[in-house]
């Protein structure tokens, strides 16, 4: 036994050393700079090797008519560059007769050609000097134009990216009656502008990280310096930098890599499509994560109480918002527990049901050939199939499938005696209640099925035990070192002002301590002495 234990420890230490060596070698490979060749022929050969067997890679040589015969190489990818801007701001100025005079007056060495182009020739606003050949490849793949002057070791990267994206529209996943109706798009720069337009604060910071060895996707973390806790930001940076994958195609990829409870059905990372919601989260002390190519922006830390909150709660009266939050909690509880409670009552606890209602249920189940559990399971499974097919099918056909499933199949199943009428009602109420919380839409069916199976054997006692186990599980989850059940876990009076009950905005003086970790200088909305006063 001792020999086996020592052998296991030896292999573990060897694996750790191997992983550390791989990480260090990868870091060295990333940090190593590859110099740019001084010869036009050499750089063209290297570029043709990198972009071989592709017809959208464009290179064009331009020889200036001066006594030095300066040759300039223009490099870009067709379709990613705005051709009109390329012609007006780069090609026409380079072919102008005045360029020769600029080079004759200021030419001192080959490296000075770069400065002459930047100061006197090019009419572009975003020009960056590059001294690393790997950066040239990355800039070309991003859609920039590269200018290389023969005989120099410096290249110019010019931002003339052709922006092609869908227009800003109302998101389909989060419709509102009152409030902003604009949603994020797949373009990262547009999403940044939408956030910056709402939070006009110089302390709003954006940090870019490139992830994905094959896709090189740009990831941006957004926060307000001085409000967001630095430990949360540093934890997020470490988790993002530790991601080693080929592709990041959507923000859902990031969610799996950075979440705290990967094997839990409950989400620990928020995902939203509306700029006003993201700005509200950032102002509370959270960090937003934007992914290029995805209209969904992630937020951390994410708490369970956020699943019953909507952006519209802050645009209507506090009493009305509180009422709707209570309705959502009731709907969530009914959606999870109603099928299991119905099965437990008719199977084990008939004495709890009123006598007349019991007679109605018994009479409706006389022609049903299945047990109550089989009937409940088949109805819930049919509903999930209809819901999934309605989402995946084209939009006009999706509404038709939902209508047919609700009316034709339900009515036909009752008339044929396959299911009872009360079970159809229970399934309908369960389905409606489940749509009240979009973030828990994936967790509800799984929990509902577990409760249904347990109630088939143990009745209401099993339902109560499973609910207690779920509560214990929720108490053990943390999102970026913040308890998942905050602020209920700390039970602080100042923390409960924006949970089930929403107080007026002028009463929300401080930000949540669970996010800022006790920073009392972070004031929300207004200061203490700015409460509304009645006019005399």
Protein backbone atom coordinates (compact mmCIF):
# COMPACT_ATOMS: atom_id res chain seq x y z
CA UNK A 1 0.00 0.00 0.00
CA UNK A 2 2.78 2.41 0.94
CA UNK A 3 4.62 1.63 -2.29
CA UNK A 4 1.48 2.30 -4.36
CA UNK A 5 0.87 5.57 -2.53
CA UNK A 6 4.45 6.75 -3.14
CA UNK A 7 4.16 5.78 -6.81
CA UNK A 8 0.92 7.79 -7.19
CA UNK A 9 2.50 10.81 -5.49
CA UNK A 10 5.50 10.49 -7.81
CA UNK A 11 3.31 10.46 -10.93
CA UNK A 12 1.26 13.41 -9.63
CA UNK A 13 4.43 15.45 -9.06
CA UNK A 14 5.71 14.51 -12.53
CA UNK A 15 2.41 15.60 -14.08
CA UNK A 16 2.52 18.90 -12.20
CA UNK A 17 6.10 19.50 -13.38
CA UNK A 18 5.11 18.59 -16.95
CA UNK A 19 2.14 20.98 -16.88
CA UNK A 20 4.23 23.79 -15.41
CA UNK A 21 6.89 23.26 -18.10
CA UNK A 22 4.24 23.33 -20.81
CA UNK A 23 2.73 26.52 -19.37
CA UNK A 24 6.13 28.22 -19.08
CA UNK A 25 7.10 27.19 -22.62
CA UNK A 26 3.77 28.45 -23.92
CA UNK A 27 4.25 31.78 -22.13
CA UNK A 28 7.76 32.12 -23.56
CA UNK A 29 6.46 31.32 -27.04
CA UNK A 30 3.78 33.99 -26.67
CA UNK A 31 6.15 36.63 -25.28
CA UNK A 32 8.93 35.96 -27.82
CA UNK A 33 9.10 38.65 -30.51
CA UNK A 34 9.77 37.67 -34.11
CA UNK A 35 11.52 40.58 -35.87
CA UNK A 36 10.29 41.88 -39.22
CA UNK A 37 12.63 41.13 -42.16
CA UNK A 38 14.38 44.12 -43.75
CA UNK A 39 13.94 42.82 -47.29
CA UNK A 40 10.77 43.09 -49.34
CA UNK A 41 11.43 39.67 -50.87
CA UNK A 42 11.80 37.98 -47.46
CA UNK A 43 8.60 39.43 -45.98
CA UNK A 44 6.61 38.49 -49.11
CA UNK A 45 7.92 34.91 -48.89
CA UNK A 46 6.97 34.62 -45.23
CA UNK A 47 3.52 36.08 -45.82
CA UNK A 48 2.89 33.79 -48.79
CA UNK A 49 3.83 30.81 -46.61
CA UNK A 50 1.39 31.86 -43.91
CA UNK A 51 -1.47 32.72 -46.30
CA UNK A 52 -0.86 30.01 -48.88
CA UNK A 53 -3.71 28.38 -50.82
CA UNK A 54 -6.11 31.29 -50.31
CA UNK A 55 -7.34 33.79 -52.91
CA UNK A 56 -8.49 36.61 -50.60
CA UNK A 57 -4.98 37.59 -49.44
CA UNK A 58 -3.96 40.72 -51.36
CA UNK A 59 -0.50 42.31 -51.64
CA UNK A 60 0.31 45.32 -53.83
CA UNK A 61 3.68 46.96 -54.45
CA UNK A 62 3.92 50.72 -54.98
CA UNK A 63 7.20 52.31 -56.10
CA UNK A 64 7.51 56.02 -55.40
CA UNK A 65 9.00 58.15 -58.20
CA UNK A 66 11.82 59.59 -56.14
CA UNK A 67 15.58 59.28 -56.47
CA UNK A 68 15.67 56.61 -53.75
CA UNK A 69 13.12 54.32 -55.55
CA UNK A 70 11.25 53.67 -52.31
CA UNK A 71 9.01 50.60 -52.54
CA UNK A 72 5.98 50.20 -50.32
CA UNK A 73 4.01 46.97 -49.83
CA UNK A 74 0.25 47.23 -49.10
CA UNK A 75 -1.16 44.10 -47.45
CA UNK A 76 -4.80 43.26 -46.58
CA UNK A 77 -7.52 40.62 -46.87
CA UNK A 78 -10.19 41.20 -49.47
CA UNK A 79 -13.66 41.72 -48.00
CA UNK A 80 -12.46 42.77 -44.54
CA UNK A 81 -11.20 46.20 -45.62
CA UNK A 82 -13.22 49.20 -46.76
CA UNK A 83 -11.97 49.61 -50.34
CA UNK A 84 -13.20 53.20 -50.69
CA UNK A 85 -11.28 54.30 -47.59
CA UNK A 86 -8.24 52.36 -48.81
CA UNK A 87 -8.27 54.21 -52.14
CA UNK A 88 -8.91 57.67 -50.66
CA UNK A 89 -6.63 57.55 -47.58
CA UNK A 90 -3.74 55.31 -48.67
CA UNK A 91 -3.38 54.63 -52.42
CA UNK A 92 -4.16 58.13 -53.73
CA UNK A 93 -1.89 59.94 -51.22
CA UNK A 94 0.97 57.51 -51.99
CA UNK A 95 0.65 58.16 -55.74
CA UNK A 96 0.48 61.95 -55.39
CA UNK A 97 3.34 63.96 -56.90
CA UNK A 98 3.89 65.87 -53.65
CA UNK A 99 5.11 62.68 -51.94
CA UNK A 100 8.51 62.99 -53.64
CA UNK A 101 9.09 66.43 -52.16
CA UNK A 102 8.30 65.16 -48.67
CA UNK A 103 10.86 62.37 -48.98
CA UNK A 104 13.55 64.70 -50.41
CA UNK A 105 13.12 67.26 -47.63
CA UNK A 106 12.98 64.93 -44.61
CA UNK A 107 14.78 61.77 -45.73
CA UNK A 108 17.73 60.91 -43.48
CA UNK A 109 17.56 57.10 -43.28
CA UNK A 110 15.32 54.25 -44.32
CA UNK A 111 13.58 54.26 -40.93
CA UNK A 112 12.56 57.88 -41.43
CA UNK A 113 10.29 56.75 -44.29
CA UNK A 114 7.81 55.52 -41.68
CA UNK A 115 7.65 58.93 -40.00
CA UNK A 116 7.24 60.68 -43.35
CA UNK A 117 4.29 58.47 -44.21
CA UNK A 118 2.65 59.05 -40.82
CA UNK A 119 3.18 62.83 -40.74
CA UNK A 120 2.74 63.95 -44.33
CA UNK A 121 1.17 61.29 -46.53
CA UNK A 122 -1.42 59.09 -44.84
CA UNK A 123 -4.76 60.66 -43.94
CA UNK A 124 -5.93 57.92 -41.54
CA UNK A 125 -6.68 58.55 -37.87
CA UNK A 126 -5.75 55.14 -36.40
CA UNK A 127 -2.16 54.23 -37.30
CA UNK A 128 -0.01 51.90 -35.18
CA UNK A 129 3.66 50.98 -35.53
CA UNK A 130 4.45 47.25 -35.39
CA UNK A 131 7.85 45.64 -34.83
CA UNK A 132 6.71 42.02 -34.44
CA UNK A 133 5.94 39.81 -37.45
CA UNK A 134 3.33 37.88 -35.42
CA UNK A 135 1.46 41.13 -34.81
CA UNK A 136 1.38 41.72 -38.55
CA UNK A 137 -0.42 38.38 -39.01
CA UNK A 138 -2.89 39.19 -36.22
CA UNK A 139 -3.62 42.67 -37.56
CA UNK A 140 -4.21 41.33 -41.07
CA UNK A 141 -6.63 38.72 -39.71
CA UNK A 142 -8.48 41.43 -37.77
CA UNK A 143 -9.09 43.34 -41.01
CA UNK A 144 -6.40 46.03 -40.81
CA UNK A 145 -4.23 47.26 -43.70
CA UNK A 146 -0.46 46.79 -43.29
CA UNK A 147 2.06 49.15 -44.93
CA UNK A 148 5.65 47.93 -45.18
CA UNK A 149 8.50 50.06 -46.52
CA UNK A 150 11.36 48.13 -48.11
CA UNK A 151 14.50 48.14 -46.01
CA UNK A 152 12.85 48.89 -42.66
CA UNK A 153 12.05 46.69 -39.65
CA UNK A 154 8.85 48.56 -38.76
CA UNK A 155 5.40 48.24 -40.35
CA UNK A 156 2.29 50.39 -40.06
CA UNK A 157 -1.12 48.96 -39.14
CA UNK A 158 -4.04 51.10 -40.34
CA UNK A 159 -7.58 50.49 -39.14
CA UNK A 160 -9.83 50.45 -42.23
CA UNK A 161 -11.99 47.52 -41.13
CA UNK A 162 -15.20 47.03 -43.10
CA UNK A 163 -17.91 46.90 -40.44
CA UNK A 164 -20.75 44.55 -41.41
CA UNK A 165 -23.28 43.82 -38.70
CA UNK A 166 -27.01 43.75 -38.18
CA UNK A 167 -28.76 46.89 -37.00
CA UNK A 168 -29.51 47.54 -33.34
CA UNK A 169 -32.94 46.12 -32.56
CA UNK A 170 -35.06 44.96 -29.63
CA UNK A 171 -33.83 41.63 -28.24
CA UNK A 172 -36.27 38.76 -28.57
CA UNK A 173 -35.17 37.12 -25.31
CA UNK A 174 -36.02 40.06 -23.02
CA UNK A 175 -39.06 42.04 -24.22
CA UNK A 176 -40.27 44.94 -22.06
CA UNK A 177 -43.34 47.16 -21.89
CA UNK A 178 -41.47 50.16 -20.52
CA UNK A 179 -37.78 50.87 -20.86
CA UNK A 180 -35.05 50.95 -23.54
CA UNK A 181 -35.68 48.57 -26.42
CA UNK A 182 -32.21 48.39 -27.91
CA UNK A 183 -30.15 45.23 -27.63
CA UNK A 184 -26.54 44.25 -28.17
CA UNK A 185 -25.27 43.13 -31.57
CA UNK A 186 -22.56 40.70 -32.65
CA UNK A 187 -20.06 43.56 -33.16
CA UNK A 188 -17.83 44.14 -30.13
CA UNK A 189 -17.05 47.80 -30.90
CA UNK A 190 -20.78 48.62 -31.16
CA UNK A 191 -21.48 46.95 -27.81
CA UNK A 192 -18.71 48.98 -26.15
CA UNK A 193 -20.15 52.21 -27.51
CA UNK A 194 -23.64 51.30 -26.22
CA UNK A 195 -22.26 50.81 -22.71
CA UNK A 196 -20.09 53.93 -22.87
CA UNK A 197 -23.04 56.02 -24.04
CA UNK A 198 -25.00 55.12 -20.88
CA UNK A 199 -22.12 55.28 -18.34
CA UNK A 200 -20.26 58.48 -19.25
CA UNK A 201 -17.57 58.00 -16.65
CA UNK A 202 -13.79 58.02 -17.23
CA UNK A 203 -13.50 55.31 -14.56
CA UNK A 204 -15.35 52.88 -16.85
CA UNK A 205 -12.57 50.58 -18.00
CA UNK A 206 -12.33 48.10 -20.89
CA UNK A 207 -9.63 45.41 -20.97
CA UNK A 208 -9.13 43.18 -24.04
CA UNK A 209 -7.94 39.57 -23.92
CA UNK A 210 -7.46 37.32 -26.96
CA UNK A 211 -8.58 33.71 -26.49
CA UNK A 212 -8.78 30.70 -28.80
CA UNK A 213 -5.67 29.35 -30.51
CA UNK A 214 -7.49 28.99 -33.83
CA UNK A 215 -10.13 31.73 -33.68
CA UNK A 216 -8.18 34.45 -31.75
CA UNK A 217 -11.45 35.85 -30.40
CA UNK A 218 -11.34 39.20 -28.62
CA UNK A 219 -12.81 39.13 -25.10
CA UNK A 220 -13.40 42.40 -23.21
CA UNK A 221 -13.96 42.77 -19.48
CA UNK A 222 -15.75 45.93 -18.38
CA UNK A 223 -15.97 47.46 -14.90
CA UNK A 224 -15.90 50.77 -13.05
CA UNK A 225 -12.63 51.37 -11.27
CA UNK A 226 -13.20 52.31 -7.63
CA UNK A 227 -16.56 50.54 -7.42
CA UNK A 228 -15.86 46.95 -8.44
CA UNK A 229 -13.81 44.93 -5.97
CA UNK A 230 -10.28 44.41 -7.29
CA UNK A 231 -10.20 40.81 -6.06
CA UNK A 232 -13.16 39.90 -8.27
CA UNK A 233 -11.46 41.51 -11.27
CA UNK A 234 -8.18 39.71 -10.57
CA UNK A 235 -9.94 36.36 -10.15
CA UNK A 236 -11.70 36.86 -13.48
CA UNK A 237 -8.42 37.77 -15.21
CA UNK A 238 -6.75 34.59 -13.93
CA UNK A 239 -9.64 32.37 -15.04
CA UNK A 240 -9.71 33.91 -18.50
CA UNK A 241 -5.95 33.67 -18.97
CA UNK A 242 -6.00 30.00 -17.92
CA UNK A 243 -8.40 29.13 -20.76
CA UNK A 244 -6.59 26.94 -23.28
CA UNK A 245 -8.89 26.02 -26.15
CA UNK A 246 -8.99 26.11 -29.93
CA UNK A 247 -12.12 28.23 -30.34
CA UNK A 248 -14.33 30.73 -28.54
CA UNK A 249 -17.40 31.05 -30.78
CA UNK A 250 -19.89 32.51 -28.29
CA UNK A 251 -20.00 33.84 -24.75
CA UNK A 252 -21.46 30.48 -23.65
CA UNK A 253 -18.00 28.98 -24.17
CA UNK A 254 -16.58 31.42 -21.63
CA UNK A 255 -19.38 30.67 -19.17
CA UNK A 256 -18.34 27.03 -18.95
CA UNK A 257 -14.70 27.90 -18.38
CA UNK A 258 -15.14 30.51 -15.63
CA UNK A 259 -18.20 29.34 -13.66
CA UNK A 260 -17.76 28.19 -10.06
CA UNK A 261 -20.15 25.21 -10.07
CA UNK A 262 -19.79 23.49 -13.47
CA UNK A 263 -21.78 20.41 -12.40
CA UNK A 264 -24.69 22.34 -10.91
CA UNK A 265 -27.90 22.99 -12.82
CA UNK A 266 -28.03 26.51 -11.41
CA UNK A 267 -26.19 29.25 -13.34
CA UNK A 268 -23.41 31.14 -11.57
CA UNK A 269 -22.75 33.52 -14.49
CA UNK A 270 -25.41 35.92 -15.76
CA UNK A 271 -26.13 36.44 -19.47
CA UNK A 272 -28.06 39.47 -20.75
CA UNK A 273 -28.81 41.07 -24.11
CA UNK A 274 -29.82 44.61 -23.03
CA UNK A 275 -27.32 47.45 -22.44
CA UNK A 276 -29.37 49.04 -19.64
CA UNK A 277 -29.34 45.77 -17.68
CA UNK A 278 -25.57 45.39 -18.08
CA UNK A 279 -24.97 49.00 -17.03
CA UNK A 280 -27.14 48.48 -13.95
CA UNK A 281 -25.09 45.41 -13.00
CA UNK A 282 -21.82 47.28 -13.52
CA UNK A 283 -23.00 50.18 -11.36
CA UNK A 284 -23.76 47.71 -8.56
CA UNK A 285 -20.16 46.47 -8.61
CA UNK A 286 -20.23 43.57 -11.06
CA UNK A 287 -17.92 42.86 -13.99
CA UNK A 288 -19.25 42.51 -17.55
CA UNK A 289 -17.64 40.17 -20.09
CA UNK A 290 -18.14 40.96 -23.78
CA UNK A 291 -17.34 38.42 -26.50
CA UNK A 292 -16.80 39.42 -30.11
CA UNK A 293 -19.46 37.78 -32.26
CA UNK A 294 -22.03 37.33 -29.47
CA UNK A 295 -24.94 39.63 -28.50
CA UNK A 296 -25.05 38.10 -25.01
CA UNK A 297 -22.90 39.81 -22.36
CA UNK A 298 -21.92 37.91 -19.21
CA UNK A 299 -21.86 39.35 -15.69
CA UNK A 300 -20.15 38.10 -12.54
CA UNK A 301 -20.81 37.56 -9.69
CA UNK A 302 -24.31 36.17 -10.35
CA UNK A 303 -26.74 35.58 -7.47
CA UNK A 304 -29.93 33.51 -7.31
CA UNK A 305 -32.08 36.56 -6.53
CA UNK A 306 -31.26 37.97 -9.99
CA UNK A 307 -33.37 35.23 -11.60
CA UNK A 308 -36.59 36.95 -10.44
CA UNK A 309 -35.46 40.50 -11.23
CA UNK A 310 -36.07 42.29 -14.53
CA UNK A 311 -34.98 45.65 -15.89
CA UNK A 312 -38.58 46.82 -15.95
CA UNK A 313 -38.76 46.55 -12.15
CA UNK A 314 -36.75 49.77 -11.91
CA UNK A 315 -38.91 51.71 -14.38
CA UNK A 316 -42.24 51.20 -12.59
CA UNK A 317 -43.49 51.98 -9.07
CA UNK A 318 -41.84 50.04 -6.22
CA UNK A 319 -45.11 48.51 -4.99
CA UNK A 320 -45.95 47.20 -8.45
CA UNK A 321 -42.42 45.85 -8.93
CA UNK A 322 -42.57 44.09 -5.56
CA UNK A 323 -45.94 42.53 -6.45
CA UNK A 324 -44.61 41.15 -9.73
CA UNK A 325 -41.51 39.76 -8.02
CA UNK A 326 -43.71 37.88 -5.56
CA UNK A 327 -45.75 36.56 -8.51
CA UNK A 328 -42.54 35.32 -10.15
CA UNK A 329 -41.46 33.51 -6.99
CA UNK A 330 -44.87 31.85 -6.69
CA UNK A 331 -44.81 30.88 -10.38
CA UNK A 332 -41.29 29.46 -9.99
CA UNK A 333 -42.31 27.38 -6.96
CA UNK A 334 -45.44 26.10 -8.72
CA UNK A 335 -43.54 25.21 -11.89
CA UNK A 336 -41.03 23.11 -9.93
CA UNK A 337 -43.29 21.43 -7.35
CA UNK A 338 -46.82 21.26 -8.80
CA UNK A 339 -46.53 18.01 -10.85
CA UNK A 340 -44.80 16.21 -7.97
CA UNK A 341 -47.33 17.49 -5.42
CA UNK A 342 -50.25 16.46 -7.65
CA UNK A 343 -48.78 12.96 -7.99
CA UNK A 344 -48.10 12.70 -4.25
CA UNK A 345 -51.64 13.81 -3.30
CA UNK A 346 -53.50 11.41 -5.59
CA UNK A 347 -51.16 8.50 -4.79
CA UNK A 348 -50.45 8.82 -1.05
CA UNK A 349 -52.41 11.66 0.55
CA UNK A 350 -55.96 11.49 -0.82
CA UNK A 351 -57.33 12.63 2.54
CA UNK A 352 -55.83 16.09 1.97
CA UNK A 353 -57.87 16.62 -1.23
CA UNK A 354 -61.45 17.94 -0.76
CA UNK A 355 -64.01 15.17 -1.26
CA UNK A 356 -65.82 16.69 -4.27
CA UNK A 357 -62.52 17.47 -5.99
CA UNK A 358 -61.34 13.93 -5.29
CA UNK A 359 -64.47 12.51 -6.94
CA UNK A 360 -63.83 14.68 -10.01
CA UNK A 361 -60.24 13.49 -10.27
CA UNK A 362 -61.23 9.82 -9.85
CA UNK A 363 -63.96 10.07 -12.48
CA UNK A 364 -61.60 11.75 -14.96
CA UNK A 365 -59.00 9.01 -14.44
CA UNK A 366 -61.33 6.04 -14.91
CA UNK A 367 -60.56 5.70 -18.64
CA UNK A 368 -56.81 6.43 -18.34
CA UNK A 369 -54.85 3.18 -18.85
CA UNK A 370 -51.64 4.46 -17.25
CA UNK A 371 -50.57 5.06 -13.69
CA UNK A 372 -50.48 8.60 -12.34
CA UNK A 373 -46.67 8.67 -12.55
CA UNK A 374 -46.60 7.47 -16.17
CA UNK A 375 -49.30 9.99 -17.10
CA UNK A 376 -47.41 12.87 -15.46
CA UNK A 377 -44.09 11.83 -16.98
CA UNK A 378 -45.53 11.54 -20.51
CA UNK A 379 -47.30 14.89 -20.30
CA UNK A 380 -44.21 16.73 -19.08
CA UNK A 381 -42.06 15.01 -21.71
CA UNK A 382 -44.55 15.96 -24.44
CA UNK A 383 -44.49 19.58 -23.28
CA UNK A 384 -40.68 19.72 -23.39
CA UNK A 385 -40.70 18.24 -26.90
CA UNK A 386 -43.24 20.81 -28.08
CA UNK A 387 -41.31 23.66 -26.46
CA UNK A 388 -38.02 22.60 -28.03
CA UNK A 389 -39.54 22.06 -31.46
CA UNK A 390 -41.28 25.45 -31.29
CA UNK A 391 -37.95 27.13 -30.56
CA UNK A 392 -35.89 25.30 -33.20
CA UNK A 393 -38.36 25.48 -36.06
CA UNK A 394 -38.70 28.57 -38.29
CA UNK A 395 -40.59 31.39 -36.59
CA UNK A 396 -43.90 31.13 -38.53
CA UNK A 397 -43.99 27.34 -38.12
CA UNK A 398 -42.94 27.51 -34.47
CA UNK A 399 -46.09 29.33 -33.37
CA UNK A 400 -48.16 26.83 -35.35
CA UNK A 401 -46.53 23.88 -33.57
CA UNK A 402 -47.24 25.46 -30.16
CA UNK A 403 -50.86 26.10 -31.09
CA UNK A 404 -51.37 22.57 -32.41
CA UNK A 405 -49.71 21.06 -29.35
CA UNK A 406 -51.79 23.09 -26.92
CA UNK A 407 -55.20 22.68 -28.55
CA UNK A 408 -55.28 19.66 -30.83
CA UNK A 409 -53.03 17.21 -28.98
CA UNK A 410 -54.29 18.13 -25.51
CA UNK A 411 -57.97 17.98 -26.43
CA UNK A 412 -57.53 14.80 -28.47
CA UNK A 413 -55.59 13.08 -25.69
CA UNK A 414 -58.36 13.82 -23.17
CA UNK A 415 -61.11 12.62 -25.50
CA UNK A 416 -59.17 9.46 -26.31
CA UNK A 417 -58.74 8.71 -22.60
CA UNK A 418 -54.93 8.78 -22.72
CA UNK A 419 -54.64 11.50 -20.07
CA UNK A 420 -57.00 13.03 -17.53
CA UNK A 421 -58.29 16.59 -17.61
CA UNK A 422 -56.66 17.61 -14.26
CA UNK A 423 -53.26 16.47 -15.59
CA UNK A 424 -53.64 18.72 -18.62
CA UNK A 425 -54.42 21.65 -16.33
CA UNK A 426 -51.44 20.85 -14.08
CA UNK A 427 -49.12 20.67 -17.10
CA UNK A 428 -50.42 23.99 -18.49
CA UNK A 429 -49.93 25.81 -15.16
CA UNK A 430 -46.48 24.24 -14.78
CA UNK A 431 -45.46 25.40 -18.25
CA UNK A 432 -46.68 28.96 -17.73
CA UNK A 433 -44.92 29.27 -14.38
CA UNK A 434 -41.63 28.01 -15.82
CA UNK A 435 -41.40 30.86 -18.33
CA UNK A 436 -41.30 33.51 -15.58
CA UNK A 437 -37.56 33.00 -15.03
CA UNK A 438 -35.49 32.82 -18.18
CA UNK A 439 -32.16 32.22 -16.45
CA UNK A 440 -33.49 29.08 -14.68
CA UNK A 441 -35.22 27.71 -17.77
CA UNK A 442 -32.63 24.95 -18.08
CA UNK A 443 -32.61 23.97 -14.40
CA UNK A 444 -36.38 23.80 -13.83
CA UNK A 445 -37.17 20.70 -15.98
CA UNK A 446 -34.36 18.67 -14.35
CA UNK A 447 -35.43 19.55 -10.81
CA UNK A 448 -39.07 18.95 -11.73
CA UNK A 449 -38.25 15.44 -13.01
CA UNK A 450 -36.27 14.56 -9.86
CA UNK A 451 -39.14 15.70 -7.65
CA UNK A 452 -41.62 13.72 -9.75
CA UNK A 453 -39.62 10.49 -9.40
CA UNK A 454 -39.11 10.95 -5.65
CA UNK A 455 -42.79 11.77 -5.02
CA UNK A 456 -43.80 8.54 -6.78
CA UNK A 457 -42.12 6.54 -3.98
CA UNK A 458 -42.21 8.73 -0.86
CA UNK A 459 -44.97 11.32 -1.37
CA UNK A 460 -44.85 14.76 0.23
CA UNK A 461 -42.06 13.70 2.61
CA UNK A 462 -39.74 13.06 -0.33
CA UNK A 463 -40.66 16.40 -1.90
CA UNK A 464 -39.79 18.18 1.33
CA UNK A 465 -36.47 16.32 1.65
CA UNK A 466 -35.46 17.13 -1.95
CA UNK A 467 -36.33 20.82 -1.47
CA UNK A 468 -34.17 20.91 1.67
CA UNK A 469 -31.31 19.27 -0.25
CA UNK A 470 -31.66 21.87 -3.00
CA UNK A 471 -31.51 24.62 -0.39
CA UNK A 472 -28.36 23.09 1.10
CA UNK A 473 -26.84 22.86 -2.38
CA UNK A 474 -27.65 26.52 -3.08
CA UNK A 475 -26.06 27.49 0.22
CA UNK A 476 -22.82 25.77 -0.77
CA UNK A 477 -22.49 27.52 -4.15
CA UNK A 478 -20.37 30.64 -4.52
CA UNK A 479 -19.96 32.91 -7.52
CA UNK A 480 -16.53 34.55 -7.50
CA UNK A 481 -16.30 34.16 -3.70
CA UNK A 482 -19.77 35.67 -3.21
CA UNK A 483 -22.40 33.36 -1.59
CA UNK A 484 -25.03 32.36 -4.14
CA UNK A 485 -27.89 33.07 -1.71
CA UNK A 486 -26.68 36.55 -0.85
CA UNK A 487 -28.04 38.72 0.65
CA UNK A 488 -30.32 36.19 2.43
CA UNK A 489 -27.35 34.19 3.71
CA UNK A 490 -25.95 37.20 5.58
CA UNK A 491 -29.44 38.48 6.48
CA UNK A 492 -28.42 42.11 6.64
CA UNK A 493 -31.21 44.67 6.70
CA UNK A 494 -29.40 47.03 4.34
CA UNK A 495 -28.92 44.18 1.85
CA UNK A 496 -32.63 43.35 1.53
CA UNK A 497 -33.66 46.66 -0.03
CA UNK A 498 -33.56 45.25 -3.57
CA UNK A 499 -34.47 41.57 -3.27
CA UNK A 500 -38.07 40.37 -3.06
CA UNK A 501 -39.17 43.84 -1.98
CA UNK A 502 -37.90 46.77 -4.03
CA UNK A 503 -37.61 50.01 -2.14
CA UNK A 504 -37.83 53.39 -3.92
CA UNK A 505 -34.70 54.46 -5.76
CA UNK A 506 -34.10 57.35 -3.37
CA UNK A 507 -33.94 54.84 -0.48
CA UNK A 508 -31.22 52.73 -2.12
CA UNK A 509 -28.27 54.58 -0.60
CA UNK A 510 -25.47 52.02 -0.66
CA UNK A 511 -24.49 49.29 -3.05
CA UNK A 512 -24.74 45.61 -2.05
CA UNK A 513 -22.04 44.77 0.46
CA UNK A 514 -21.89 41.21 -0.84
CA UNK A 515 -20.46 42.58 -4.11
CA UNK A 516 -18.33 45.46 -2.87
CA UNK A 517 -17.33 43.51 0.27
CA UNK A 518 -18.00 46.26 2.77
CA UNK A 519 -16.90 49.36 0.84
CA UNK A 520 -18.96 52.06 2.52
CA UNK A 521 -17.78 54.83 0.18
CA UNK A 522 -19.67 53.37 -2.76
CA UNK A 523 -22.89 55.36 -2.89
CA UNK A 524 -25.73 54.38 -5.18
CA UNK A 525 -28.00 56.81 -7.05
CA UNK A 526 -27.69 59.71 -4.56
CA UNK A 527 -26.27 60.69 -1.17
CA UNK A 528 -28.00 60.38 2.17
CA UNK A 529 -28.95 64.05 2.45
CA UNK A 530 -30.64 64.10 -0.97
CA UNK A 531 -33.91 62.42 -0.05
CA UNK A 532 -36.99 63.92 -1.73
CA UNK A 533 -38.46 66.75 0.30
CA UNK A 534 -41.95 68.13 0.17
CA UNK A 535 -42.22 71.66 -1.14
CA UNK A 536 -43.30 74.16 1.50
